[in-house]
């Protein structure tokens, strides 16, 4: 795959994964996401889990933390 095709594919993938990007992502406007989108998905998922935040989520029986982004 040529680099321009790969960039277009990754920009489209960013539009799917990142709600803040919008429905159309432009490669030149992705900033640090350009690097992160090139990493294997399994690596991203495993390193994105912060132990302290996972513990808060486990202890949150009222589901307050899960809905905090809607309130804030």
C-alpha atoms as a PDB file:
ATOM      1  CA  UNK A   1       0.000   0.000   0.000  1.00  0.00           C
ATOM      2  CA  UNK A   2       1.427   3.400  -0.906  1.00  0.00           C
ATOM      3  CA  UNK A   3       1.976   5.937   1.852  1.00  0.00           C
ATOM      4  CA  UNK A   4      -0.853   8.174   0.594  1.00  0.00           C
ATOM      5  CA  UNK A   5      -3.260   5.228   0.602  1.00  0.00           C
ATOM      6  CA  UNK A   6      -2.133   4.256   4.089  1.00  0.00           C
ATOM      7  CA  UNK A   7      -2.604   7.830   5.326  1.00  0.00           C
ATOM      8  CA  UNK A   8      -6.093   7.968   3.807  1.00  0.00           C
ATOM      9  CA  UNK A   9      -6.975   4.641   5.412  1.00  0.00           C
ATOM     10  CA  UNK A  10      -5.665   5.756   8.822  1.00  0.00           C
ATOM     11  CA  UNK A  11      -7.502   9.084   8.562  1.00  0.00           C
ATOM     12  CA  UNK A  12     -10.725   7.218   7.836  1.00  0.00           C
ATOM     13  CA  UNK A  13     -10.012   4.927  10.781  1.00  0.00           C
ATOM     14  CA  UNK A  14      -9.474   8.011  12.979  1.00  0.00           C
ATOM     15  CA  UNK A  15     -12.909   9.315  11.974  1.00  0.00           C
ATOM     16  CA  UNK A  16     -14.398   6.039  13.202  1.00  0.00           C
ATOM     17  CA  UNK A  17     -12.378   5.784  16.444  1.00  0.00           C
ATOM     18  CA  UNK A  18     -12.195   9.425  17.529  1.00  0.00           C
ATOM     19  CA  UNK A  19     -15.547  11.199  17.908  1.00  0.00           C
ATOM     20  CA  UNK A  20     -13.839  14.571  18.320  1.00  0.00           C
ATOM     21  CA  UNK A  21     -12.362  14.349  14.836  1.00  0.00           C
ATOM     22  CA  UNK A  22     -15.735  14.419  13.131  1.00  0.00           C
ATOM     23  CA  UNK A  23     -17.040  12.326  10.268  1.00  0.00           C
ATOM     24  CA  UNK A  24     -14.189  13.326   7.951  1.00  0.00           C
ATOM     25  CA  UNK A  25     -10.619  13.237   9.229  1.00  0.00           C
ATOM     26  CA  UNK A  26      -7.761  14.944   7.428  1.00  0.00           C
ATOM     27  CA  UNK A  27      -4.350  13.334   7.832  1.00  0.00           C
ATOM     28  CA  UNK A  28      -2.557  16.670   8.155  1.00  0.00           C
ATOM     29  CA  UNK A  29      -4.793  17.704  11.067  1.00  0.00           C
ATOM     30  CA  UNK A  30      -4.464  14.554  13.198  1.00  0.00           C
ATOM     31  CA  UNK A  31      -1.421  15.722  15.146  1.00  0.00           C
ATOM     32  CA  UNK A  32      -0.158  13.064  17.593  1.00  0.00           C
ATOM     33  CA  UNK A  33      -2.899  10.672  16.504  1.00  0.00           C
ATOM     34  CA  UNK A  34      -0.881  10.097  13.317  1.00  0.00           C
ATOM     35  CA  UNK A  35       1.701   8.217  15.353  1.00  0.00           C
ATOM     36  CA  UNK A  36      -0.810   6.387  17.537  1.00  0.00           C
ATOM     37  CA  UNK A  37      -2.879   5.221  14.555  1.00  0.00           C
ATOM     38  CA  UNK A  38       0.190   3.478  13.118  1.00  0.00           C
ATOM     39  CA  UNK A  39       0.554   1.264  16.196  1.00  0.00           C
ATOM     40  CA  UNK A  40      -1.074  -2.183  16.265  1.00  0.00           C
ATOM     41  CA  UNK A  41      -4.539  -2.013  17.850  1.00  0.00           C
ATOM     42  CA  UNK A  42      -3.691  -4.683  20.452  1.00  0.00           C
ATOM     43  CA  UNK A  43      -0.733  -2.592  21.646  1.00  0.00           C
ATOM     44  CA  UNK A  44      -2.912   0.493  21.966  1.00  0.00           C
ATOM     45  CA  UNK A  45      -5.620  -1.317  23.896  1.00  0.00           C
ATOM     46  CA  UNK A  46      -3.234  -2.970  26.329  1.00  0.00           C
ATOM     47  CA  UNK A  47      -1.286   0.206  27.106  1.00  0.00           C
ATOM     48  CA  UNK A  48      -4.384   2.416  27.300  1.00  0.00           C
ATOM     49  CA  UNK A  49      -5.598   0.678  30.430  1.00  0.00           C
ATOM     50  CA  UNK A  50      -4.410   2.685  33.425  1.00  0.00           C
ATOM     51  CA  UNK A  51      -4.495   0.525  36.587  1.00  0.00           C
ATOM     52  CA  UNK A  52      -5.683   3.362  38.843  1.00  0.00           C
ATOM     53  CA  UNK A  53      -8.576   4.194  36.518  1.00  0.00           C
ATOM     54  CA  UNK A  54      -9.524   0.529  36.194  1.00  0.00           C
ATOM     55  CA  UNK A  55      -9.692   0.307  40.005  1.00  0.00           C
ATOM     56  CA  UNK A  56     -11.956   3.371  40.168  1.00  0.00           C
ATOM     57  CA  UNK A  57     -14.230   1.819  37.561  1.00  0.00           C
ATOM     58  CA  UNK A  58     -14.367  -1.486  39.480  1.00  0.00           C
ATOM     59  CA  UNK A  59     -15.179   0.303  42.743  1.00  0.00           C
ATOM     60  CA  UNK A  60     -17.820   2.549  41.136  1.00  0.00           C
ATOM     61  CA  UNK A  61     -20.964   0.561  41.900  1.00  0.00           C
ATOM     62  CA  UNK A  62     -23.258   3.512  41.159  1.00  0.00           C
ATOM     63  CA  UNK A  63     -21.736   3.948  37.672  1.00  0.00           C
ATOM     64  CA  UNK A  64     -21.018   7.613  38.408  1.00  0.00           C
ATOM     65  CA  UNK A  65     -17.557   7.611  36.838  1.00  0.00           C
ATOM     66  CA  UNK A  66     -18.805   6.042  33.613  1.00  0.00           C
ATOM     67  CA  UNK A  67     -21.219   8.899  33.061  1.00  0.00           C
ATOM     68  CA  UNK A  68     -18.983  11.731  34.273  1.00  0.00           C
ATOM     69  CA  UNK A  69     -18.018  12.668  30.715  1.00  0.00           C
ATOM     70  CA  UNK A  70     -21.673  13.445  29.964  1.00  0.00           C
ATOM     71  CA  UNK A  71     -21.949  15.715  32.973  1.00  0.00           C
ATOM     72  CA  UNK A  72     -18.623  17.460  32.496  1.00  0.00           C
END
